[in-house]
Amino acid sequence: MVIAALSTQTWPRPFLKWAGGKGRLLEQYYPYFPKSFDTYYEPFLGGGAIFFHLTGRFRTAVLADINPELVNVYQCVRNQVEDLIALLQEHRQQHSQTHYYAVRSQTELSCSVQRAARLIYLNKTCYNGLYRENSKGHFNVPMGRYKKPAICDPDLLRSAALALQSAHIRQASFDFVLQRATSRYDLVYFDPPYYPISATSNFTGYSRYGFTTADQEQLSQVFATLAERGVQVMLSNSDCPFIRDLYAGFNIHTIQATRAINSKACRRGKITELLITSY
């Protein structure tokens, strides 16, 4: 793959808006990153803020998500970034309410790079940058109210493409890491849909599959199995008794965060969440 030269020095960072993205928490996370590791695993990829932040500190990365459209986006950024940029520039020129809903209704695109451009365009122009699917796997978020949405940032996409050259990207459930991560030279970071601490926070619609209490319990067992092998494991989740009990045998750190998505502005604001480490 040929990537055009960056017009400015751009450090890789997330190119998608993502509910629960960790970009604003990196300063608090910094003391808890392990000093050394060779392979980095991220089974709930989302916006990839931790992956991009740690770029340069590992030899290879294995990135995964259960959402096939999200996985396709990352693969296209890595392999076809210039084609992707060209399509996004077309979306930027055509952007309007009519165009948004016409693109949102496209559910049968066969070309992978067209599908990737569609997701990025919708992500940049939808309400609150919220990714949500219905039971059929169709994106169903209404258009946001942005005067000049940043639909295409060529330098940002090219820097992400360079960072992704060392990454293996696959569609998989989080437990695939049990087949791959085996030693203290591995770092696994889990950022699952958070356990709901109220009825209004019960959002797990990143994909059609949802994320249940049983999934949270299975994830804690995967965490414990990896830790027993000596794998370095990190996990983010809600600050609540259920999660504290699941990970009672590990190091639990309290993080100051901000709840950014709620239908009522008065319910957005400061909140604590947890960062759990096995080391």
Protein backbone atom coordinates (compact mmCIF):
# COMPACT_ATOMS: atom_id res chain seq x y z
CA MET A 1 0.00 0.00 0.00
CA VAL A 2 1.25 3.49 -0.87
CA ILE A 3 0.38 6.26 1.58
CA ALA A 4 0.77 9.87 0.47
CA ALA A 5 3.16 11.96 2.55
CA LEU A 6 1.67 13.79 5.53
CA SER A 7 1.52 17.54 5.00
CA THR A 8 2.21 18.03 8.72
CA GLN A 9 3.56 15.81 11.48
CA THR A 10 0.41 14.09 12.75
CA TRP A 11 0.63 11.69 15.70
CA PRO A 12 -1.83 8.80 15.23
CA ARG A 13 -5.04 9.18 17.18
CA PRO A 14 -8.67 8.04 16.81
CA PHE A 15 -10.33 8.95 13.53
CA LEU A 16 -13.81 7.93 14.77
CA LYS A 17 -16.00 9.47 17.44
CA TRP A 18 -16.84 6.72 19.90
CA ALA A 19 -19.06 6.61 22.98
CA GLY A 20 -16.84 5.75 25.92
CA GLY A 21 -13.63 6.55 24.01
CA LYS A 22 -10.60 6.86 26.26
CA GLY A 23 -8.87 9.86 24.66
CA ARG A 24 -9.68 12.16 27.58
CA LEU A 25 -8.57 9.64 30.20
CA LEU A 26 -5.08 8.89 28.87
CA GLU A 27 -3.35 11.13 31.40
CA GLN A 28 -4.98 9.21 34.26
CA TYR A 29 -4.26 5.86 32.62
CA TYR A 30 -0.59 6.63 31.99
CA PRO A 31 0.76 5.50 35.42
CA TYR A 32 -0.90 2.10 34.98
CA PHE A 33 0.48 1.09 31.59
CA PRO A 34 3.10 -1.66 31.98
CA LYS A 35 6.71 -0.69 31.35
CA SER A 36 7.33 -3.31 28.68
CA PHE A 37 5.43 -5.71 26.43
CA ASP A 38 5.87 -7.11 22.92
CA THR A 39 2.34 -7.81 21.69
CA TYR A 40 -0.70 -5.64 22.36
CA TYR A 41 -4.26 -7.05 22.21
CA GLU A 42 -7.45 -4.98 22.15
CA PRO A 43 -10.59 -7.14 21.74
CA PHE A 44 -13.12 -4.27 22.05
CA LEU A 45 -11.54 -1.94 19.50
CA GLY A 46 -14.04 0.93 19.30
CA GLY A 47 -12.19 4.18 18.62
CA GLY A 48 -8.80 2.65 19.42
CA ALA A 49 -7.52 5.49 21.63
CA ILE A 50 -5.30 3.23 23.75
CA PHE A 51 -3.87 1.47 20.69
CA PHE A 52 -2.93 4.74 19.02
CA HIS A 53 -1.50 6.13 22.26
CA LEU A 54 0.74 3.09 22.74
CA THR A 55 1.91 2.99 19.09
CA GLY A 56 5.68 2.58 19.06
CA ARG A 57 5.82 0.71 22.37
CA PHE A 58 5.04 -2.76 20.99
CA ARG A 59 6.25 -4.92 18.10
CA THR A 60 2.84 -6.01 16.91
CA ALA A 61 -0.83 -5.57 17.79
CA VAL A 62 -3.88 -7.77 17.45
CA LEU A 63 -7.06 -5.71 17.22
CA ALA A 64 -10.56 -7.16 17.19
CA ASP A 65 -14.21 -6.32 17.54
CA ILE A 66 -17.45 -8.26 17.16
CA ASN A 67 -18.86 -5.56 14.85
CA PRO A 68 -17.95 -6.52 11.23
CA GLU A 69 -18.52 -2.99 9.88
CA LEU A 70 -16.12 -1.49 12.40
CA VAL A 71 -13.51 -4.14 11.62
CA ASN A 72 -13.90 -3.40 7.91
CA VAL A 73 -13.25 0.31 8.55
CA TYR A 74 -9.93 -0.40 10.24
CA GLN A 75 -8.88 -2.84 7.54
CA CYS A 76 -9.68 -0.30 4.82
CA VAL A 77 -7.82 2.50 6.63
CA ARG A 78 -4.80 0.20 6.83
CA ASN A 79 -4.97 -1.17 3.28
CA GLN A 80 -6.84 1.37 1.11
CA VAL A 81 -6.54 4.73 2.82
CA GLU A 82 -6.18 6.83 -0.35
CA ASP A 83 -9.29 5.30 -1.93
CA LEU A 84 -11.11 5.88 1.34
CA ILE A 85 -10.05 9.52 1.48
CA ALA A 86 -11.33 10.07 -2.08
CA LEU A 87 -14.76 8.67 -1.20
CA LEU A 88 -14.97 10.72 2.01
CA GLN A 89 -14.18 13.88 0.08
CA GLU A 90 -17.15 13.07 -2.17
CA HIS A 91 -19.37 12.64 0.89
CA ARG A 92 -18.14 15.97 2.23
CA GLN A 93 -19.09 17.73 -0.99
CA GLN A 94 -22.57 16.16 -1.04
CA HIS A 95 -23.33 16.44 2.67
CA SER A 96 -26.92 17.46 3.43
CA GLN A 97 -29.88 16.05 5.30
CA THR A 98 -31.06 14.30 2.14
CA HIS A 99 -27.63 12.80 1.51
CA TYR A 100 -27.26 11.68 5.13
CA TYR A 101 -30.46 9.67 5.18
CA ALA A 102 -29.84 8.28 1.70
CA VAL A 103 -26.44 7.00 2.85
CA ARG A 104 -27.87 5.68 6.12
CA SER A 105 -30.42 3.63 4.15
CA GLN A 106 -27.68 1.90 2.13
CA THR A 107 -27.41 -1.54 3.73
CA GLU A 108 -26.32 -3.72 0.81
CA LEU A 109 -23.01 -2.17 -0.29
CA SER A 110 -20.66 -4.90 -1.52
CA CYS A 111 -17.50 -2.81 -1.89
CA SER A 112 -15.54 -2.82 1.38
CA VAL A 113 -14.06 0.66 0.96
CA GLN A 114 -17.50 2.13 0.14
CA ARG A 115 -18.85 0.52 3.32
CA ALA A 116 -15.96 2.00 5.30
CA ALA A 117 -16.52 5.48 3.86
CA ARG A 118 -20.23 5.17 4.68
CA LEU A 119 -19.56 4.33 8.32
CA ILE A 120 -17.03 7.14 8.79
CA TYR A 121 -19.32 9.66 7.09
CA LEU A 122 -22.28 8.66 9.28
CA ASN A 123 -20.09 8.64 12.38
CA LYS A 124 -18.93 12.20 11.71
CA THR A 125 -22.39 13.57 10.94
CA CYS A 126 -24.80 11.62 13.16
CA TYR A 127 -26.17 12.75 16.51
CA ASN A 128 -23.42 12.89 19.16
CA GLY A 129 -21.14 10.63 17.12
CA LEU A 130 -23.08 7.72 18.60
CA TYR A 131 -22.67 4.32 16.94
CA ARG A 132 -25.80 2.22 17.40
CA GLU A 133 -27.32 -0.71 15.52
CA ASN A 134 -30.81 -2.17 15.61
CA SER A 135 -31.54 -5.90 15.85
CA LYS A 136 -30.96 -6.30 12.10
CA GLY A 137 -27.50 -4.77 12.32
CA HIS A 138 -28.58 -1.52 10.63
CA PHE A 139 -27.20 1.85 11.76
CA ASN A 140 -30.15 3.85 13.09
CA VAL A 141 -28.89 7.13 14.59
CA PRO A 142 -30.48 10.39 13.37
CA MET A 143 -28.45 13.18 11.78
CA GLY A 144 -26.64 15.54 14.13
CA ARG A 145 -26.71 19.33 14.08
CA TYR A 146 -23.24 20.29 12.90
CA LYS A 147 -22.47 23.35 10.78
CA LYS A 148 -19.14 22.04 9.47
CA PRO A 149 -18.61 18.38 10.43
CA ALA A 150 -15.05 17.09 10.00
CA ILE A 151 -15.98 14.41 7.50
CA CYS A 152 -12.52 13.91 6.00
CA ASP A 153 -9.14 14.59 7.61
CA PRO A 154 -6.57 13.12 5.19
CA ASP A 155 -3.56 13.55 7.47
CA LEU A 156 -5.33 11.95 10.41
CA LEU A 157 -6.37 8.96 8.31
CA ARG A 158 -2.89 8.55 6.83
CA SER A 159 -1.25 8.65 10.24
CA ALA A 160 -3.74 6.02 11.45
CA ALA A 161 -2.95 3.90 8.38
CA LEU A 162 0.76 4.01 9.19
CA ALA A 163 0.12 2.98 12.80
CA LEU A 164 -2.09 0.10 11.66
CA GLN A 165 0.56 -1.42 9.37
CA SER A 166 1.88 -3.51 12.28
CA ALA A 167 -1.58 -4.63 13.38
CA HIS A 168 -3.55 -7.79 12.71
CA ILE A 169 -7.25 -6.84 12.53
CA ARG A 170 -10.04 -9.39 12.81
CA GLN A 171 -13.70 -9.84 13.66
CA ALA A 172 -13.94 -11.89 16.83
CA SER A 173 -15.53 -12.16 20.24
CA PHE A 174 -13.40 -11.02 23.19
CA ASP A 175 -12.55 -14.58 24.27
CA PHE A 176 -10.37 -15.16 21.17
CA VAL A 177 -7.44 -13.80 23.21
CA LEU A 178 -7.38 -17.05 25.19
CA GLN A 179 -5.96 -18.69 22.06
CA ARG A 180 -3.28 -16.04 21.55
CA ALA A 181 -2.08 -14.28 24.72
CA THR A 182 0.07 -16.62 26.79
CA SER A 183 2.88 -14.80 28.61
CA ARG A 184 4.12 -11.72 30.46
CA TYR A 185 5.26 -10.30 27.12
CA ASP A 186 1.60 -9.77 26.17
CA LEU A 187 -0.65 -6.86 27.16
CA VAL A 188 -4.42 -7.24 26.81
CA TYR A 189 -6.71 -4.23 27.23
CA PHE A 190 -10.46 -4.82 27.56
CA ASP A 191 -12.86 -1.91 27.10
CA PRO A 192 -16.27 -3.62 27.00
CA PRO A 193 -19.68 -1.96 26.97
CA TYR A 194 -19.95 -0.78 30.57
CA TYR A 195 -22.17 -2.46 33.10
CA PRO A 196 -25.21 -0.16 33.51
CA ILE A 197 -25.39 1.70 36.80
CA SER A 198 -28.84 3.13 36.03
CA ALA A 199 -31.67 2.60 33.57
CA THR A 200 -30.53 5.60 31.49
CA SER A 201 -26.97 4.29 31.25
CA ASN A 202 -28.03 0.89 29.91
CA PHE A 203 -26.58 1.33 26.42
CA THR A 204 -24.95 -1.69 24.77
CA GLY A 205 -26.07 -1.06 21.19
CA TYR A 206 -22.65 -0.80 19.54
CA SER A 207 -23.64 -3.93 17.65
CA ARG A 208 -26.77 -6.01 17.21
CA TYR A 209 -25.46 -8.53 19.74
CA GLY A 210 -25.62 -6.42 22.91
CA PHE A 211 -23.61 -7.20 26.05
CA THR A 212 -25.30 -8.91 28.98
CA THR A 213 -24.57 -9.57 32.63
CA ALA A 214 -23.56 -13.10 31.65
CA ASP A 215 -21.09 -11.61 29.16
CA GLN A 216 -19.62 -9.45 31.93
CA GLU A 217 -19.17 -12.55 34.09
CA GLN A 218 -17.56 -14.49 31.23
CA LEU A 219 -15.22 -11.56 30.58
CA SER A 220 -14.09 -11.57 34.22
CA GLN A 221 -13.27 -15.29 33.88
CA VAL A 222 -11.24 -14.61 30.72
CA PHE A 223 -9.43 -11.81 32.60
CA ALA A 224 -8.61 -14.19 35.47
CA THR A 225 -7.40 -16.95 33.14
CA LEU A 226 -5.05 -14.58 31.34
CA ALA A 227 -3.76 -13.22 34.64
CA GLU A 228 -2.98 -16.75 35.86
CA ARG A 229 -0.77 -17.19 32.77
CA GLY A 230 1.16 -14.06 33.68
CA VAL A 231 -0.37 -11.98 30.88
CA GLN A 232 -0.56 -8.28 31.71
CA VAL A 233 -4.28 -7.39 31.64
CA MET A 234 -6.11 -4.07 31.89
CA LEU A 235 -9.87 -3.52 31.90
CA SER A 236 -12.17 -0.49 32.06
CA ASN A 237 -15.70 -0.62 33.41
CA SER A 238 -18.34 1.06 35.56
CA ASP A 239 -17.66 1.90 39.18
CA CYS A 240 -20.32 -0.19 40.89
CA PRO A 241 -20.49 -3.05 43.41
CA PHE A 242 -21.10 -5.68 40.73
CA ILE A 243 -17.87 -4.89 38.85
CA ARG A 244 -15.87 -4.40 42.06
CA ASP A 245 -17.00 -7.85 43.23
CA LEU A 246 -16.14 -9.50 39.91
CA TYR A 247 -12.56 -8.21 40.07
CA ALA A 248 -12.06 -8.19 43.83
CA GLY A 249 -8.81 -10.15 43.59
CA PHE A 250 -7.11 -7.63 41.31
CA ASN A 251 -5.86 -4.05 41.50
CA ILE A 252 -8.80 -1.65 41.22
CA HIS A 253 -8.09 1.99 40.40
CA THR A 254 -10.67 4.77 40.45
CA ILE A 255 -10.73 7.08 37.42
CA GLN A 256 -12.45 10.46 37.18
CA ALA A 257 -14.47 10.55 33.97
CA THR A 258 -17.27 12.50 32.31
CA ARG A 259 -20.59 11.08 31.21
CA ALA A 260 -20.99 12.65 27.77
CA ILE A 261 -24.08 10.94 26.35
CA ASN A 262 -27.47 11.35 27.93
CA SER A 263 -30.75 12.60 26.53
CA LYS A 264 -30.90 15.12 29.38
CA ALA A 265 -28.04 17.60 29.68
CA CYS A 266 -28.43 17.77 33.46
CA ARG A 267 -27.44 14.10 33.70
CA ARG A 268 -24.15 14.60 31.91
CA GLY A 269 -21.14 15.38 34.06
CA LYS A 270 -18.47 13.97 36.34
CA ILE A 271 -18.56 10.32 37.30
CA THR A 272 -16.08 7.73 38.55
CA GLU A 273 -15.25 4.58 36.65
CA LEU A 274 -12.77 1.76 37.19
CA LEU A 275 -9.47 0.72 35.66
CA ILE A 276 -8.55 -2.81 36.75
CA THR A 277 -5.09 -4.31 36.31
CA SER A 278 -3.66 -7.77 36.92
CA TYR A 279 -0.16 -6.51 37.77
